[in-house]
Amino acid sequence: MVEMIQATRLHPLQAGSVSVALADNATRVSLRAIPDAIPALSKALGLDLPVKPKSTVTNGSRAVMWIGPDEWLIIDNADSSLIADLAAVKVLHSAVDISHRNVGIIVSGKGADAVVNGGCPQDLSLKAFPVGAASRTVLGKVEIVLWRTGENSFRVECWRSFSTYAYAFLQESARDVVI
């Protein structure tokens, strides 16, 4: 059975119940590797790389999201040693610093799932997309990586060139959602 969420339209000048805010600056790496490299990379990162679809593993401020069978998005603090940690690994892999390519947007509050669903066709019910789930998807016209960081919170990662659109889209969607 699918849980239905009822959204109510507000007056255009009234604020909604969901916050849309820019995430702090972060170090971001796009990591690609073959399965044989996973143990050495996991050791260097201080956590086990997730190997199941939609899964995420965190250790402190460091988070690794499974994006595909041989691809992960890693996010850590802006002053992280992430690049140096991966450069020291002597197995075949590709680690590309995408810190300045991406922008993070935090959507939080009761009804955050309805705000994101204003432009994302993915089923964001807790059963289908539980806390910790992450995936590459779309928001309106742009590709994003969506990470559910809490029951009522999401992190949207998008390319800098699409960030104004994604941010405005989410703000507009948030104005329309009251739970």
C-alpha atoms as a PDB file:
ATOM      1  CA  MET A   1       0.000   0.000   0.000  1.00  0.00           C
ATOM      2  CA  VAL A   2       1.369   3.419  -0.950  1.00  0.00           C
ATOM      3  CA  GLU A   3       1.129   6.154   1.676  1.00  0.00           C
ATOM      4  CA  MET A   4      -0.410   9.305   0.208  1.00  0.00           C
ATOM      5  CA  ILE A   5       0.768  12.730   1.334  1.00  0.00           C
ATOM      6  CA  GLN A   6      -1.725  15.556   1.118  1.00  0.00           C
ATOM      7  CA  ALA A   7      -0.229  18.916   0.121  1.00  0.00           C
ATOM      8  CA  THR A   8      -2.060  22.196   0.663  1.00  0.00           C
ATOM      9  CA  ARG A   9      -1.410  25.357  -1.363  1.00  0.00           C
ATOM     10  CA  LEU A  10      -0.466  28.427   0.630  1.00  0.00           C
ATOM     11  CA  HIS A  11      -0.818  32.093  -0.094  1.00  0.00           C
ATOM     12  CA  PRO A  12       2.185  33.019  -2.313  1.00  0.00           C
ATOM     13  CA  LEU A  13       3.658  35.272   0.404  1.00  0.00           C
ATOM     14  CA  GLN A  14       3.342  32.737   3.225  1.00  0.00           C
ATOM     15  CA  ALA A  15       6.343  30.554   4.103  1.00  0.00           C
ATOM     16  CA  GLY A  16       6.064  26.762   3.931  1.00  0.00           C
ATOM     17  CA  SER A  17       6.998  24.212   6.592  1.00  0.00           C
ATOM     18  CA  VAL A  18      10.184  23.008   4.839  1.00  0.00           C
ATOM     19  CA  SER A  19      13.589  24.691   4.846  1.00  0.00           C
ATOM     20  CA  VAL A  20      15.724  24.859   1.698  1.00  0.00           C
ATOM     21  CA  ALA A  21      19.308  25.931   2.439  1.00  0.00           C
ATOM     22  CA  LEU A  22      22.747  25.728   0.903  1.00  0.00           C
ATOM     23  CA  ALA A  23      24.979  23.009   2.334  1.00  0.00           C
ATOM     24  CA  ASP A  24      28.374  23.930   3.764  1.00  0.00           C
ATOM     25  CA  ASN A  25      31.336  23.820   1.409  1.00  0.00           C
ATOM     26  CA  ALA A  26      32.630  20.287   1.100  1.00  0.00           C
ATOM     27  CA  THR A  27      35.269  18.115  -0.478  1.00  0.00           C
ATOM     28  CA  ARG A  28      33.657  15.884  -3.088  1.00  0.00           C
ATOM     29  CA  VAL A  29      35.249  13.058  -5.046  1.00  0.00           C
ATOM     30  CA  SER A  30      33.902  10.957  -7.866  1.00  0.00           C
ATOM     31  CA  LEU A  31      35.485   7.536  -7.319  1.00  0.00           C
ATOM     32  CA  ARG A  32      35.553   4.756  -9.900  1.00  0.00           C
ATOM     33  CA  ALA A  33      37.119   1.358  -9.190  1.00  0.00           C
ATOM     34  CA  ILE A  34      36.918  -2.321 -10.035  1.00  0.00           C
ATOM     35  CA  PRO A  35      35.734  -4.764  -7.342  1.00  0.00           C
ATOM     36  CA  ASP A  36      39.281  -5.979  -6.593  1.00  0.00           C
ATOM     37  CA  ALA A  37      40.245  -2.442  -5.504  1.00  0.00           C
ATOM     38  CA  ILE A  38      37.423  -2.037  -2.980  1.00  0.00           C
ATOM     39  CA  PRO A  39      39.242  -3.483   0.080  1.00  0.00           C
ATOM     40  CA  ALA A  40      42.303  -1.217  -0.318  1.00  0.00           C
ATOM     41  CA  LEU A  41      40.184   1.861  -1.017  1.00  0.00           C
ATOM     42  CA  SER A  42      37.906   1.087   1.947  1.00  0.00           C
ATOM     43  CA  LYS A  43      40.929   0.820   4.231  1.00  0.00           C
ATOM     44  CA  ALA A  44      42.302   4.163   3.027  1.00  0.00           C
ATOM     45  CA  LEU A  45      38.923   5.860   3.480  1.00  0.00           C
ATOM     46  CA  GLY A  46      38.329   4.444   6.963  1.00  0.00           C
ATOM     47  CA  LEU A  47      34.992   2.878   5.994  1.00  0.00           C
ATOM     48  CA  ASP A  48      33.666   0.068   3.824  1.00  0.00           C
ATOM     49  CA  LEU A  49      32.640   1.235   0.360  1.00  0.00           C
ATOM     50  CA  PRO A  50      28.942   0.409  -0.081  1.00  0.00           C
ATOM     51  CA  VAL A  51      28.277  -2.173  -2.796  1.00  0.00           C
ATOM     52  CA  LYS A  52      24.469  -2.252  -2.903  1.00  0.00           C
ATOM     53  CA  PRO A  53      22.228   0.079  -4.915  1.00  0.00           C
ATOM     54  CA  LYS A  54      21.020   3.197  -3.055  1.00  0.00           C
ATOM     55  CA  SER A  55      23.319   2.490  -0.079  1.00  0.00           C
ATOM     56  CA  THR A  56      25.481   4.955   1.839  1.00  0.00           C
ATOM     57  CA  VAL A  57      28.163   4.486   4.466  1.00  0.00           C
ATOM     58  CA  THR A  58      29.323   7.240   6.808  1.00  0.00           C
ATOM     59  CA  ASN A  59      32.158   7.677   9.272  1.00  0.00           C
ATOM     60  CA  GLY A  60      32.205  11.015  11.057  1.00  0.00           C
ATOM     61  CA  SER A  61      31.862  13.724   8.410  1.00  0.00           C
ATOM     62  CA  ARG A  62      32.841  11.386   5.555  1.00  0.00           C
ATOM     63  CA  ALA A  63      29.997   9.865   3.522  1.00  0.00           C
ATOM     64  CA  VAL A  64      30.254   7.478   0.570  1.00  0.00           C
ATOM     65  CA  MET A  65      27.241   6.943  -1.687  1.00  0.00           C
ATOM     66  CA  TRP A  66      26.890   4.041  -4.127  1.00  0.00           C
ATOM     67  CA  ILE A  67      26.093   5.589  -7.515  1.00  0.00           C
ATOM     68  CA  GLY A  68      26.696   2.583  -9.761  1.00  0.00           C
ATOM     69  CA  PRO A  69      28.397  -0.830  -9.813  1.00  0.00           C
ATOM     70  CA  ASP A  70      31.854   0.774 -10.014  1.00  0.00           C
ATOM     71  CA  GLU A  71      31.092   4.366  -8.973  1.00  0.00           C
ATOM     72  CA  TRP A  72      30.784   6.263  -5.688  1.00  0.00           C
ATOM     73  CA  LEU A  73      30.290   9.877  -4.650  1.00  0.00           C
ATOM     74  CA  ILE A  74      32.296  10.775  -1.543  1.00  0.00           C
ATOM     75  CA  ILE A  75      31.519  13.907   0.487  1.00  0.00           C
ATOM     76  CA  ASP A  76      33.601  15.166   3.416  1.00  0.00           C
ATOM     77  CA  ASN A  77      34.447  18.427   5.176  1.00  0.00           C
ATOM     78  CA  ALA A  78      35.988  21.178   3.037  1.00  0.00           C
ATOM     79  CA  ASP A  79      39.376  20.722   4.776  1.00  0.00           C
ATOM     80  CA  SER A  80      39.355  16.926   4.427  1.00  0.00           C
ATOM     81  CA  SER A  81      42.401  14.811   3.579  1.00  0.00           C
ATOM     82  CA  LEU A  82      40.215  12.788   1.199  1.00  0.00           C
ATOM     83  CA  ILE A  83      42.280  13.460  -1.939  1.00  0.00           C
ATOM     84  CA  ALA A  84      45.567  12.622  -0.184  1.00  0.00           C
ATOM     85  CA  ASP A  85      44.035   9.481   1.354  1.00  0.00           C
ATOM     86  CA  LEU A  86      43.011   8.199  -2.084  1.00  0.00           C
ATOM     87  CA  ALA A  87      46.252   9.273  -3.801  1.00  0.00           C
ATOM     88  CA  ALA A  88      48.201   6.991  -1.448  1.00  0.00           C
ATOM     89  CA  VAL A  89      46.278   3.876  -2.543  1.00  0.00           C
ATOM     90  CA  LYS A  90      48.289   1.714  -4.935  1.00  0.00           C
ATOM     91  CA  VAL A  91      45.430  -0.104  -6.665  1.00  0.00           C
ATOM     92  CA  LEU A  92      43.821   0.794  -9.981  1.00  0.00           C
ATOM     93  CA  HIS A  93      41.155   3.477  -9.435  1.00  0.00           C
ATOM     94  CA  SER A  94      40.079   6.914 -10.573  1.00  0.00           C
ATOM     95  CA  ALA A  95      39.486   9.633  -7.976  1.00  0.00           C
ATOM     96  CA  VAL A  96      38.445  13.007  -9.392  1.00  0.00           C
ATOM     97  CA  ASP A  97      38.005  16.043  -7.160  1.00  0.00           C
ATOM     98  CA  ILE A  98      34.612  17.524  -8.081  1.00  0.00           C
ATOM     99  CA  SER A  99      34.396  19.871  -5.097  1.00  0.00           C
ATOM    100  CA  HIS A 100      33.972  22.977  -7.231  1.00  0.00           C
ATOM    101  CA  ARG A 101      31.729  21.323  -9.820  1.00  0.00           C
ATOM    102  CA  ASN A 102      28.962  20.456  -7.358  1.00  0.00           C
ATOM    103  CA  VAL A 103      26.737  22.406  -4.998  1.00  0.00           C
ATOM    104  CA  GLY A 104      24.855  20.863  -2.082  1.00  0.00           C
ATOM    105  CA  ILE A 105      21.328  21.898  -1.089  1.00  0.00           C
ATOM    106  CA  ILE A 106      19.694  20.752   2.161  1.00  0.00           C
ATOM    107  CA  VAL A 107      15.918  20.224   2.184  1.00  0.00           C
ATOM    108  CA  SER A 108      14.589  19.624   5.689  1.00  0.00           C
ATOM    109  CA  GLY A 109      11.421  19.666   7.715  1.00  0.00           C
ATOM    110  CA  LYS A 110       8.167  17.751   7.827  1.00  0.00           C
ATOM    111  CA  GLY A 111       7.139  17.380   4.194  1.00  0.00           C
ATOM    112  CA  ALA A 112      10.671  17.514   2.749  1.00  0.00           C
ATOM    113  CA  ASP A 113       9.868  14.411   0.688  1.00  0.00           C
ATOM    114  CA  ALA A 114       6.884  16.187  -0.887  1.00  0.00           C
ATOM    115  CA  VAL A 115       9.096  19.190  -1.702  1.00  0.00           C
ATOM    116  CA  VAL A 116      11.668  17.015  -3.488  1.00  0.00           C
ATOM    117  CA  ASN A 117       8.871  15.044  -5.186  1.00  0.00           C
ATOM    118  CA  GLY A 118       7.684  18.351  -6.645  1.00  0.00           C
ATOM    119  CA  GLY A 119      10.291  17.702  -9.333  1.00  0.00           C
ATOM    120  CA  CYS A 120      11.673  14.213  -8.708  1.00  0.00           C
ATOM    121  CA  PRO A 121       9.694  11.180  -9.930  1.00  0.00           C
ATOM    122  CA  GLN A 122      11.360   8.755  -7.517  1.00  0.00           C
ATOM    123  CA  ASP A 123       9.296   7.085  -4.764  1.00  0.00           C
ATOM    124  CA  LEU A 124      10.559   8.850  -1.621  1.00  0.00           C
ATOM    125  CA  SER A 125       8.459   6.958   0.905  1.00  0.00           C
ATOM    126  CA  LEU A 126      10.552   5.725   3.842  1.00  0.00           C
ATOM    127  CA  LYS A 127       9.940   2.136   2.760  1.00  0.00           C
ATOM    128  CA  ALA A 128      11.258   2.670  -0.789  1.00  0.00           C
ATOM    129  CA  PHE A 129      13.894   5.318   0.035  1.00  0.00           C
ATOM    130  CA  PRO A 130      14.903   4.894   3.705  1.00  0.00           C
ATOM    131  CA  VAL A 131      17.270   7.077   5.712  1.00  0.00           C
ATOM    132  CA  GLY A 132      20.744   6.638   4.213  1.00  0.00           C
ATOM    133  CA  ALA A 133      19.479   5.885   0.706  1.00  0.00           C
ATOM    134  CA  ALA A 134      21.152   7.739  -2.167  1.00  0.00           C
ATOM    135  CA  SER A 135      20.716   7.652  -5.921  1.00  0.00           C
ATOM    136  CA  ARG A 136      21.314   9.518  -9.122  1.00  0.00           C
ATOM    137  CA  THR A 137      17.999  10.899 -10.348  1.00  0.00           C
ATOM    138  CA  VAL A 138      16.453  14.079 -11.745  1.00  0.00           C
ATOM    139  CA  LEU A 139      14.918  17.216 -10.278  1.00  0.00           C
ATOM    140  CA  GLY A 140      12.890  19.046 -12.883  1.00  0.00           C
ATOM    141  CA  LYS A 141      15.285  19.354 -15.824  1.00  0.00           C
ATOM    142  CA  VAL A 142      18.565  18.571 -14.041  1.00  0.00           C
ATOM    143  CA  GLU A 143      20.456  15.487 -12.958  1.00  0.00           C
ATOM    144  CA  ILE A 144      21.081  15.278  -9.218  1.00  0.00           C
ATOM    145  CA  VAL A 145      22.369  12.903  -6.602  1.00  0.00           C
ATOM    146  CA  LEU A 146      19.747  12.638  -3.864  1.00  0.00           C
ATOM    147  CA  TRP A 147      20.694  11.453  -0.369  1.00  0.00           C
ATOM    148  CA  ARG A 148      18.153  10.970   2.424  1.00  0.00           C
ATOM    149  CA  THR A 149      20.047  12.103   5.520  1.00  0.00           C
ATOM    150  CA  GLY A 150      17.126  11.814   7.948  1.00  0.00           C
ATOM    151  CA  GLU A 151      13.455  10.922   8.061  1.00  0.00           C
ATOM    152  CA  ASN A 152      12.605  14.512   7.069  1.00  0.00           C
ATOM    153  CA  SER A 153      15.826  15.678   5.426  1.00  0.00           C
ATOM    154  CA  PHE A 154      17.592  15.303   2.095  1.00  0.00           C
ATOM    155  CA  ARG A 155      20.827  16.485   0.540  1.00  0.00           C
ATOM    156  CA  VAL A 156      20.590  17.371  -3.146  1.00  0.00           C
ATOM    157  CA  GLU A 157      23.918  17.465  -5.027  1.00  0.00           C
ATOM    158  CA  CYS A 158      23.854  19.119  -8.436  1.00  0.00           C
ATOM    159  CA  TRP A 159      26.307  20.676 -10.845  1.00  0.00           C
ATOM    160  CA  ARG A 160      27.150  24.307 -10.074  1.00  0.00           C
ATOM    161  CA  SER A 161      25.799  25.414 -13.466  1.00  0.00           C
ATOM    162  CA  PHE A 162      22.355  24.026 -12.519  1.00  0.00           C
ATOM    163  CA  SER A 163      22.392  25.089  -8.861  1.00  0.00           C
ATOM    164  CA  THR A 164      20.415  28.328  -9.306  1.00  0.00           C
ATOM    165  CA  TYR A 165      17.662  26.413 -11.094  1.00  0.00           C
ATOM    166  CA  ALA A 166      17.625  23.549  -8.552  1.00  0.00           C
ATOM    167  CA  TYR A 167      17.645  25.910  -5.557  1.00  0.00           C
ATOM    168  CA  ALA A 168      14.834  28.084  -6.952  1.00  0.00           C
ATOM    169  CA  PHE A 169      12.846  24.964  -7.922  1.00  0.00           C
ATOM    170  CA  LEU A 170      13.088  23.560  -4.388  1.00  0.00           C
ATOM    171  CA  GLN A 171      12.227  26.912  -2.781  1.00  0.00           C
ATOM    172  CA  GLU A 172       9.135  27.233  -4.969  1.00  0.00           C
ATOM    173  CA  SER A 173       8.110  23.658  -4.199  1.00  0.00           C
ATOM    174  CA  ALA A 174       8.603  24.301  -0.465  1.00  0.00           C
ATOM    175  CA  ARG A 175       6.203  27.264  -0.590  1.00  0.00           C
ATOM    176  CA  ASP A 176       3.450  24.918  -1.713  1.00  0.00           C
ATOM    177  CA  VAL A 177       3.907  22.162   0.878  1.00  0.00           C
ATOM    178  CA  VAL A 178       2.289  22.244   4.304  1.00  0.00           C
ATOM    179  CA  ILE A 179       2.000  19.062   6.291  1.00  0.00           C
END
